[in-house]
Amino acid sequence: MWYIGLRMKDKKSGGLEEFNNAAGHFEPLSEEVASIFVDALLHVIHNPKDMITARTNPAPKPRIKTTIEKSLETMEKIKDRLQDLNPFD
């Protein structure tokens, strides 16, 4: 995440909103790539004469909520609770 943030800044290819939108795909994508790689390794272990290649095509996983989105939701909940405690309303 740090690297992609630096690259986006260096290339002036977006701000926090664009970074946050992309960040929601990082974890599902990395799990997908890792599962393809592990599956290929397991295949080669069982079939040493075969070459290593991607042999599966898992369905893409959906985007997940980022830490920023979770933090904003928590801040909204706290804000709502504080408003409920205001005796001057």
PDB file of N, CA and C in Angstrom:
ATOM      1  N   MET A   1       0.832  -1.180   0.000  1.00  0.00           N
ATOM      2  CA  MET A   1       0.000   0.000   0.000  1.00  0.00           C
ATOM      3  C   MET A   1       0.887   1.258   0.000  1.00  0.00           C
ATOM      4  N   TRP A   2       1.960   1.210   0.791  1.00  0.00           N
ATOM      5  CA  TRP A   2       2.857   2.354   0.855  1.00  0.00           C
ATOM      6  C   TRP A   2       3.438   2.639  -0.535  1.00  0.00           C
ATOM      7  N   TYR A   3       3.885   1.586  -1.195  1.00  0.00           N
ATOM      8  CA  TYR A   3       4.499   1.736  -2.518  1.00  0.00           C
ATOM      9  C   TYR A   3       3.515   2.345  -3.512  1.00  0.00           C
ATOM     10  N   ILE A   4       2.318   1.810  -3.577  1.00  0.00           N
ATOM     11  CA  ILE A   4       1.347   2.330  -4.553  1.00  0.00           C
ATOM     12  C   ILE A   4       0.991   3.787  -4.238  1.00  0.00           C
ATOM     13  N   GLY A   5       0.930   4.125  -2.956  1.00  0.00           N
ATOM     14  CA  GLY A   5       0.671   5.517  -2.576  1.00  0.00           C
ATOM     15  C   GLY A   5       1.768   6.449  -3.064  1.00  0.00           C
ATOM     16  N   LEU A   6       3.019   6.011  -2.909  1.00  0.00           N
ATOM     17  CA  LEU A   6       4.142   6.817  -3.386  1.00  0.00           C
ATOM     18  C   LEU A   6       4.135   6.952  -4.902  1.00  0.00           C
ATOM     19  N   ARG A   7       3.849   5.845  -5.592  1.00  0.00           N
ATOM     20  CA  ARG A   7       3.805   5.881  -7.059  1.00  0.00           C
ATOM     21  C   ARG A   7       2.694   6.804  -7.554  1.00  0.00           C
ATOM     22  N   MET A   8       1.541   6.753  -6.908  1.00  0.00           N
ATOM     23  CA  MET A   8       0.438   7.630  -7.318  1.00  0.00           C
ATOM     24  C   MET A   8       0.828   9.082  -7.124  1.00  0.00           C
ATOM     25  N   LYS A   9       1.507   9.373  -6.009  1.00  0.00           N
ATOM     26  CA  LYS A   9       1.939  10.743  -5.745  1.00  0.00           C
ATOM     27  C   LYS A   9       2.972  11.189  -6.774  1.00  0.00           C
ATOM     28  N   ASP A  10       3.978  10.332  -7.029  1.00  0.00           N
ATOM     29  CA  ASP A  10       5.028  10.676  -7.993  1.00  0.00           C
ATOM     30  C   ASP A  10       4.467  10.923  -9.389  1.00  0.00           C
ATOM     31  N   LYS A  11       3.520  10.121  -9.795  1.00  0.00           N
ATOM     32  CA  LYS A  11       2.948  10.228 -11.136  1.00  0.00           C
ATOM     33  C   LYS A  11       1.769  11.197 -11.196  1.00  0.00           C
ATOM     34  N   LYS A  12       1.409  11.750 -10.034  1.00  0.00           N
ATOM     35  CA  LYS A  12       0.253  12.646  -9.947  1.00  0.00           C
ATOM     36  C   LYS A  12      -0.983  11.987 -10.576  1.00  0.00           C
ATOM     37  N   SER A  13      -1.194  10.716 -10.190  1.00  0.00           N
ATOM     38  CA  SER A  13      -2.289   9.946 -10.794  1.00  0.00           C
ATOM     39  C   SER A  13      -3.472   9.765  -9.857  1.00  0.00           C
ATOM     40  N   GLY A  14      -3.691  10.705  -8.985  1.00  0.00           N
ATOM     41  CA  GLY A  14      -4.865  10.623  -8.133  1.00  0.00           C
ATOM     42  C   GLY A  14      -4.555  11.023  -6.711  1.00  0.00           C
ATOM     43  N   GLY A  15      -5.622  11.188  -5.982  1.00  0.00           N
ATOM     44  CA  GLY A  15      -5.493  11.574  -4.591  1.00  0.00           C
ATOM     45  C   GLY A  15      -5.998  10.478  -3.671  1.00  0.00           C
ATOM     46  N   LEU A  16      -6.397  10.891  -2.487  1.00  0.00           N
ATOM     47  CA  LEU A  16      -6.827   9.948  -1.463  1.00  0.00           C
ATOM     48  C   LEU A  16      -8.052   9.153  -1.898  1.00  0.00           C
ATOM     49  N   GLU A  17      -8.982   9.785  -2.581  1.00  0.00           N
ATOM     50  CA  GLU A  17     -10.196   9.073  -3.011  1.00  0.00           C
ATOM     51  C   GLU A  17      -9.862   7.952  -4.003  1.00  0.00           C
ATOM     52  N   GLU A  18      -9.010   8.251  -4.970  1.00  0.00           N
ATOM     53  CA  GLU A  18      -8.621   7.234  -5.948  1.00  0.00           C
ATOM     54  C   GLU A  18      -7.816   6.115  -5.281  1.00  0.00           C
ATOM     55  N   PHE A  19      -6.930   6.504  -4.367  1.00  0.00           N
ATOM     56  CA  PHE A  19      -6.141   5.510  -3.641  1.00  0.00           C
ATOM     57  C   PHE A  19      -7.061   4.601  -2.824  1.00  0.00           C
ATOM     58  N   ASN A  20      -8.014   5.175  -2.139  1.00  0.00           N
ATOM     59  CA  ASN A  20      -8.942   4.391  -1.332  1.00  0.00           C
ATOM     60  C   ASN A  20      -9.764   3.443  -2.199  1.00  0.00           C
ATOM     61  N   ASN A  21     -10.214   3.919  -3.364  1.00  0.00           N
ATOM     62  CA  ASN A  21     -10.977   3.050  -4.278  1.00  0.00           C
ATOM     63  C   ASN A  21     -10.132   1.864  -4.731  1.00  0.00           C
ATOM     64  N   ALA A  22      -8.878   2.107  -5.053  1.00  0.00           N
ATOM     65  CA  ALA A  22      -7.993   1.023  -5.483  1.00  0.00           C
ATOM     66  C   ALA A  22      -7.654   0.088  -4.324  1.00  0.00           C
ATOM     67  N   ALA A  23      -7.479   0.638  -3.148  1.00  0.00           N
ATOM     68  CA  ALA A  23      -7.050  -0.151  -1.990  1.00  0.00           C
ATOM     69  C   ALA A  23      -8.054  -1.251  -1.633  1.00  0.00           C
ATOM     70  N   GLY A  24      -9.316  -1.036  -1.914  1.00  0.00           N
ATOM     71  CA  GLY A  24     -10.328  -2.042  -1.610  1.00  0.00           C
ATOM     72  C   GLY A  24     -10.171  -3.314  -2.425  1.00  0.00           C
ATOM     73  N   HIS A  25      -9.382  -3.249  -3.491  1.00  0.00           N
ATOM     74  CA  HIS A  25      -9.165  -4.420  -4.350  1.00  0.00           C
ATOM     75  C   HIS A  25      -7.864  -5.154  -4.030  1.00  0.00           C
ATOM     76  N   PHE A  26      -6.980  -4.554  -3.234  1.00  0.00           N
ATOM     77  CA  PHE A  26      -5.661  -5.137  -3.000  1.00  0.00           C
ATOM     78  C   PHE A  26      -5.727  -6.501  -2.330  1.00  0.00           C
ATOM     79  N   GLU A  27      -6.452  -6.614  -1.235  1.00  0.00           N
ATOM     80  CA  GLU A  27      -6.492  -7.891  -0.508  1.00  0.00           C
ATOM     81  C   GLU A  27      -7.145  -9.009  -1.328  1.00  0.00           C
ATOM     82  N   PRO A  28      -8.345  -8.781  -1.912  1.00  0.00           N
ATOM     83  CA  PRO A  28      -8.930  -9.858  -2.720  1.00  0.00           C
ATOM     84  C   PRO A  28      -8.043 -10.253  -3.903  1.00  0.00           C
ATOM     85  N   LEU A  29      -7.419  -9.276  -4.537  1.00  0.00           N
ATOM     86  CA  LEU A  29      -6.555  -9.566  -5.675  1.00  0.00           C
ATOM     87  C   LEU A  29      -5.332 -10.369  -5.248  1.00  0.00           C
ATOM     88  N   SER A  30      -4.723  -9.996  -4.129  1.00  0.00           N
ATOM     89  CA  SER A  30      -3.535 -10.722  -3.682  1.00  0.00           C
ATOM     90  C   SER A  30      -3.886 -12.154  -3.301  1.00  0.00           C
ATOM     91  N   GLU A  31      -5.062 -12.376  -2.724  1.00  0.00           N
ATOM     92  CA  GLU A  31      -5.495 -13.743  -2.404  1.00  0.00           C
ATOM     93  C   GLU A  31      -5.693 -14.559  -3.692  1.00  0.00           C
ATOM     94  N   GLU A  32      -6.256 -13.926  -4.693  1.00  0.00           N
ATOM     95  CA  GLU A  32      -6.483 -14.611  -5.968  1.00  0.00           C
ATOM     96  C   GLU A  32      -5.149 -15.008  -6.624  1.00  0.00           C
ATOM     97  N   VAL A  33      -4.211 -14.082  -6.668  1.00  0.00           N
ATOM     98  CA  VAL A  33      -2.906 -14.355  -7.276  1.00  0.00           C
ATOM     99  C   VAL A  33      -2.176 -15.446  -6.482  1.00  0.00           C
ATOM    100  N   ALA A  34      -2.227 -15.354  -5.152  1.00  0.00           N
ATOM    101  CA  ALA A  34      -1.564 -16.363  -4.322  1.00  0.00           C
ATOM    102  C   ALA A  34      -2.168 -17.747  -4.535  1.00  0.00           C
ATOM    103  N   SER A  35      -3.483 -17.829  -4.654  1.00  0.00           N
ATOM    104  CA  SER A  35      -4.119 -19.140  -4.846  1.00  0.00           C
ATOM    105  C   SER A  35      -3.733 -19.750  -6.196  1.00  0.00           C
ATOM    106  N   ILE A  36      -3.612 -18.921  -7.228  1.00  0.00           N
ATOM    107  CA  ILE A  36      -3.184 -19.414  -8.543  1.00  0.00           C
ATOM    108  C   ILE A  36      -1.748 -19.932  -8.462  1.00  0.00           C
ATOM    109  N   PHE A  37      -0.883 -19.188  -7.789  1.00  0.00           N
ATOM    110  CA  PHE A  37       0.516 -19.568  -7.657  1.00  0.00           C
ATOM    111  C   PHE A  37       0.671 -20.860  -6.861  1.00  0.00           C
ATOM    112  N   VAL A  38      -0.010 -20.963  -5.725  1.00  0.00           N
ATOM    113  CA  VAL A  38       0.083 -22.171  -4.898  1.00  0.00           C
ATOM    114  C   VAL A  38      -0.462 -23.380  -5.654  1.00  0.00           C
ATOM    115  N   ASP A  39      -1.564 -23.202  -6.359  1.00  0.00           N
ATOM    116  CA  ASP A  39      -2.116 -24.299  -7.153  1.00  0.00           C
ATOM    117  C   ASP A  39      -1.110 -24.772  -8.205  1.00  0.00           C
ATOM    118  N   ALA A  40      -0.430 -23.839  -8.855  1.00  0.00           N
ATOM    119  CA  ALA A  40       0.570 -24.196  -9.862  1.00  0.00           C
ATOM    120  C   ALA A  40       1.744 -24.938  -9.225  1.00  0.00           C
ATOM    121  N   LEU A  41       2.192 -24.487  -8.053  1.00  0.00           N
ATOM    122  CA  LEU A  41       3.285 -25.177  -7.362  1.00  0.00           C
ATOM    123  C   LEU A  41       2.889 -26.596  -6.971  1.00  0.00           C
ATOM    124  N   LEU A  42       1.696 -26.752  -6.440  1.00  0.00           N
ATOM    125  CA  LEU A  42       1.227 -28.086  -6.046  1.00  0.00           C
ATOM    126  C   LEU A  42       1.144 -29.007  -7.256  1.00  0.00           C
ATOM    127  N   HIS A  43       0.710 -28.478  -8.379  1.00  0.00           N
ATOM    128  CA  HIS A  43       0.635 -29.291  -9.599  1.00  0.00           C
ATOM    129  C   HIS A  43       2.026 -29.779 -10.006  1.00  0.00           C
ATOM    130  N   VAL A  44       3.020 -28.893  -9.963  1.00  0.00           N
ATOM    131  CA  VAL A  44       4.377 -29.263 -10.368  1.00  0.00           C
ATOM    132  C   VAL A  44       4.988 -30.260  -9.376  1.00  0.00           C
ATOM    133  N   ILE A  45       4.647 -30.153  -8.118  1.00  0.00           N
ATOM    134  CA  ILE A  45       5.152 -31.116  -7.135  1.00  0.00           C
ATOM    135  C   ILE A  45       4.644 -32.517  -7.477  1.00  0.00           C
ATOM    136  N   HIS A  46       3.371 -32.606  -7.842  1.00  0.00           N
ATOM    137  CA  HIS A  46       2.775 -33.903  -8.173  1.00  0.00           C
ATOM    138  C   HIS A  46       3.104 -34.359  -9.601  1.00  0.00           C
ATOM    139  N   ASN A  47       3.463 -33.425 -10.455  1.00  0.00           N
ATOM    140  CA  ASN A  47       3.790 -33.731 -11.861  1.00  0.00           C
ATOM    141  C   ASN A  47       5.080 -33.004 -12.239  1.00  0.00           C
ATOM    142  N   PRO A  48       6.226 -33.475 -11.750  1.00  0.00           N
ATOM    143  CA  PRO A  48       7.483 -32.745 -11.923  1.00  0.00           C
ATOM    144  C   PRO A  48       7.897 -32.495 -13.374  1.00  0.00           C
ATOM    145  N   LYS A  49       7.403 -33.257 -14.289  1.00  0.00           N
ATOM    146  CA  LYS A  49       7.808 -33.068 -15.692  1.00  0.00           C
ATOM    147  C   LYS A  49       7.006 -31.954 -16.377  1.00  0.00           C
ATOM    148  N   ASP A  50       5.908 -31.536 -15.762  1.00  0.00           N
ATOM    149  CA  ASP A  50       5.126 -30.424 -16.317  1.00  0.00           C
ATOM    150  C   ASP A  50       5.816 -29.102 -15.984  1.00  0.00           C
ATOM    151  N   MET A  51       5.571 -28.112 -16.821  1.00  0.00           N
ATOM    152  CA  MET A  51       6.109 -26.792 -16.516  1.00  0.00           C
ATOM    153  C   MET A  51       5.141 -26.044 -15.592  1.00  0.00           C
ATOM    154  N   ILE A  52       5.683 -25.104 -14.842  1.00  0.00           N
ATOM    155  CA  ILE A  52       4.840 -24.341 -13.931  1.00  0.00           C
ATOM    156  C   ILE A  52       4.059 -23.305 -14.741  1.00  0.00           C
ATOM    157  N   THR A  53       2.773 -23.331 -14.578  1.00  0.00           N
ATOM    158  CA  THR A  53       1.896 -22.394 -15.281  1.00  0.00           C
ATOM    159  C   THR A  53       0.591 -22.282 -14.504  1.00  0.00           C
ATOM    160  N   ALA A  54      -0.099 -21.199 -14.712  1.00  0.00           N
ATOM    161  CA  ALA A  54      -1.395 -21.030 -14.052  1.00  0.00           C
ATOM    162  C   ALA A  54      -2.367 -22.064 -14.611  1.00  0.00           C
ATOM    163  N   ARG A  55      -3.007 -22.806 -13.719  1.00  0.00           N
ATOM    164  CA  ARG A  55      -3.903 -23.872 -14.148  1.00  0.00           C
ATOM    165  C   ARG A  55      -5.331 -23.659 -13.642  1.00  0.00           C
ATOM    166  N   THR A  56      -5.522 -22.622 -12.893  1.00  0.00           N
ATOM    167  CA  THR A  56      -6.863 -22.326 -12.380  1.00  0.00           C
ATOM    168  C   THR A  56      -7.232 -20.904 -12.750  1.00  0.00           C
ATOM    169  N   ASN A  57      -8.487 -20.613 -12.677  1.00  0.00           N
ATOM    170  CA  ASN A  57      -8.982 -19.267 -12.929  1.00  0.00           C
ATOM    171  C   ASN A  57     -10.100 -19.003 -11.925  1.00  0.00           C
ATOM    172  N   PRO A  58      -9.710 -18.696 -10.672  1.00  0.00           N
ATOM    173  CA  PRO A  58     -10.741 -18.511  -9.648  1.00  0.00           C
ATOM    174  C   PRO A  58     -11.597 -17.282  -9.943  1.00  0.00           C
ATOM    175  N   ALA A  59     -12.820 -17.336  -9.479  1.00  0.00           N
ATOM    176  CA  ALA A  59     -13.719 -16.186  -9.644  1.00  0.00           C
ATOM    177  C   ALA A  59     -13.179 -15.010  -8.826  1.00  0.00           C
ATOM    178  N   PRO A  60     -13.200 -13.813  -9.395  1.00  0.00           N
ATOM    179  CA  PRO A  60     -12.726 -12.646  -8.646  1.00  0.00           C
ATOM    180  C   PRO A  60     -13.561 -12.427  -7.384  1.00  0.00           C
ATOM    181  N   LYS A  61     -12.878 -12.029  -6.336  1.00  0.00           N
ATOM    182  CA  LYS A  61     -13.569 -11.723  -5.083  1.00  0.00           C
ATOM    183  C   LYS A  61     -13.995 -10.255  -5.108  1.00  0.00           C
ATOM    184  N   PRO A  62     -15.058  -9.936  -4.381  1.00  0.00           N
ATOM    185  CA  PRO A  62     -15.520  -8.544  -4.381  1.00  0.00           C
ATOM    186  C   PRO A  62     -14.578  -7.629  -3.608  1.00  0.00           C
ATOM    187  N   ARG A  63     -14.685  -6.372  -3.889  1.00  0.00           N
ATOM    188  CA  ARG A  63     -13.928  -5.328  -3.197  1.00  0.00           C
ATOM    189  C   ARG A  63     -14.290  -5.369  -1.721  1.00  0.00           C
ATOM    190  N   ILE A  64     -13.322  -5.064  -0.857  1.00  0.00           N
ATOM    191  CA  ILE A  64     -13.586  -5.021   0.581  1.00  0.00           C
ATOM    192  C   ILE A  64     -13.546  -3.574   1.064  1.00  0.00           C
ATOM    193  N   LYS A  65     -14.096  -3.340   2.250  1.00  0.00           N
ATOM    194  CA  LYS A  65     -14.027  -2.001   2.837  1.00  0.00           C
ATOM    195  C   LYS A  65     -12.599  -1.735   3.286  1.00  0.00           C
ATOM    196  N   THR A  66     -12.134  -0.538   3.026  1.00  0.00           N
ATOM    197  CA  THR A  66     -10.787  -0.155   3.431  1.00  0.00           C
ATOM    198  C   THR A  66     -10.804   0.375   4.851  1.00  0.00           C
ATOM    199  N   THR A  67      -9.625   0.515   5.416  1.00  0.00           N
ATOM    200  CA  THR A  67      -9.494   1.068   6.760  1.00  0.00           C
ATOM    201  C   THR A  67     -10.047   2.485   6.807  1.00  0.00           C
ATOM    202  N   ILE A  68      -9.832   3.239   5.751  1.00  0.00           N
ATOM    203  CA  ILE A  68     -10.352   4.609   5.693  1.00  0.00           C
ATOM    204  C   ILE A  68     -11.873   4.594   5.757  1.00  0.00           C
ATOM    205  N   GLU A  69     -12.503   3.721   4.982  1.00  0.00           N
ATOM    206  CA  GLU A  69     -13.969   3.644   4.984  1.00  0.00           C
ATOM    207  C   GLU A  69     -14.492   3.204   6.348  1.00  0.00           C
ATOM    208  N   LYS A  70     -13.832   2.227   6.955  1.00  0.00           N
ATOM    209  CA  LYS A  70     -14.248   1.773   8.282  1.00  0.00           C
ATOM    210  C   LYS A  70     -14.092   2.888   9.314  1.00  0.00           C
ATOM    211  N   SER A  71     -12.991   3.647   9.206  1.00  0.00           N
ATOM    212  CA  SER A  71     -12.764   4.767  10.130  1.00  0.00           C
ATOM    213  C   SER A  71     -13.825   5.844   9.972  1.00  0.00           C
ATOM    214  N   LEU A  72     -14.174   6.165   8.731  1.00  0.00           N
ATOM    215  CA  LEU A  72     -15.207   7.180   8.493  1.00  0.00           C
ATOM    216  C   LEU A  72     -16.556   6.733   9.057  1.00  0.00           C
ATOM    217  N   GLU A  73     -16.881   5.446   8.894  1.00  0.00           N
ATOM    218  CA  GLU A  73     -18.131   4.922   9.455  1.00  0.00           C
ATOM    219  C   GLU A  73     -18.123   5.020  10.971  1.00  0.00           C
ATOM    220  N   THR A  74     -17.000   4.694  11.594  1.00  0.00           N
ATOM    221  CA  THR A  74     -16.885   4.772  13.055  1.00  0.00           C
ATOM    222  C   THR A  74     -17.013   6.211  13.523  1.00  0.00           C
ATOM    223  N   MET A  75     -16.389   7.131  12.808  1.00  0.00           N
ATOM    224  CA  MET A  75     -16.490   8.545  13.183  1.00  0.00           C
ATOM    225  C   MET A  75     -17.935   9.034  13.083  1.00  0.00           C
ATOM    226  N   GLU A  76     -18.651   8.596  12.069  1.00  0.00           N
ATOM    227  CA  GLU A  76     -20.063   8.987  11.931  1.00  0.00           C
ATOM    228  C   GLU A  76     -20.890   8.441  13.088  1.00  0.00           C
ATOM    229  N   LYS A  77     -20.639   7.202  13.490  1.00  0.00           N
ATOM    230  CA  LYS A  77     -21.366   6.611  14.620  1.00  0.00           C
ATOM    231  C   LYS A  77     -21.089   7.378  15.910  1.00  0.00           C
ATOM    232  N   ILE A  78     -19.823   7.734  16.130  1.00  0.00           N
ATOM    233  CA  ILE A  78     -19.458   8.502  17.329  1.00  0.00           C
ATOM    234  C   ILE A  78     -20.123   9.868  17.292  1.00  0.00           C
ATOM    235  N   LYS A  79     -20.099  10.485  16.138  1.00  0.00           N
ATOM    236  CA  LYS A  79     -20.723  11.811  15.972  1.00  0.00           C
ATOM    237  C   LYS A  79     -22.217  11.737  16.285  1.00  0.00           C
ATOM    238  N   ASP A  80     -22.892  10.698  15.789  1.00  0.00           N
ATOM    239  CA  ASP A  80     -24.319  10.527  16.063  1.00  0.00           C
ATOM    240  C   ASP A  80     -24.583  10.333  17.551  1.00  0.00           C
ATOM    241  N   ARG A  81     -23.746   9.551  18.203  1.00  0.00           N
ATOM    242  CA  ARG A  81     -23.915   9.312  19.645  1.00  0.00           C
ATOM    243  C   ARG A  81     -23.677  10.586  20.443  1.00  0.00           C
ATOM    244  N   LEU A  82     -22.685  11.380  20.035  1.00  0.00           N
ATOM    245  CA  LEU A  82     -22.423  12.626  20.732  1.00  0.00           C
ATOM    246  C   LEU A  82     -23.571  13.602  20.583  1.00  0.00           C
ATOM    247  N   GLN A  83     -24.202  13.622  19.425  1.00  0.00           N
ATOM    248  CA  GLN A  83     -25.332  14.502  19.224  1.00  0.00           C
ATOM    249  C   GLN A  83     -26.505  14.091  20.121  1.00  0.00           C
ATOM    250  N   ASP A  84     -26.653  12.777  20.328  1.00  0.00           N
ATOM    251  CA  ASP A  84     -27.715  12.278  21.203  1.00  0.00           C
ATOM    252  C   ASP A  84     -27.480  12.682  22.655  1.00  0.00           C
ATOM    253  N   LEU A  85     -26.222  12.925  23.024  1.00  0.00           N
ATOM    254  CA  LEU A  85     -25.886  13.293  24.399  1.00  0.00           C
ATOM    255  C   LEU A  85     -25.972  14.787  24.654  1.00  0.00           C
ATOM    256  N   ASN A  86     -26.124  15.578  23.611  1.00  0.00           N
ATOM    257  CA  ASN A  86     -26.156  17.021  23.747  1.00  0.00           C
ATOM    258  C   ASN A  86     -27.426  17.462  24.468  1.00  0.00           C
ATOM    259  N   PRO A  87     -27.308  18.039  25.680  1.00  0.00           N
ATOM    260  CA  PRO A  87     -28.495  18.441  26.428  1.00  0.00           C
ATOM    261  C   PRO A  87     -29.153  19.724  25.914  1.00  0.00           C
ATOM    262  N   PHE A  88     -28.511  20.405  24.984  1.00  0.00           N
ATOM    263  CA  PHE A  88     -29.034  21.695  24.496  1.00  0.00           C
ATOM    264  C   PHE A  88     -29.867  21.534  23.228  1.00  0.00           C
ATOM    265  N   ASP A  89     -30.062  20.332  22.748  1.00  0.00           N
ATOM    266  CA  ASP A  89     -30.884  20.122  21.564  1.00  0.00           C
ATOM    267  C   ASP A  89     -32.342  20.043  21.931  1.00  0.00           C
TER     268      ASP A  89
END
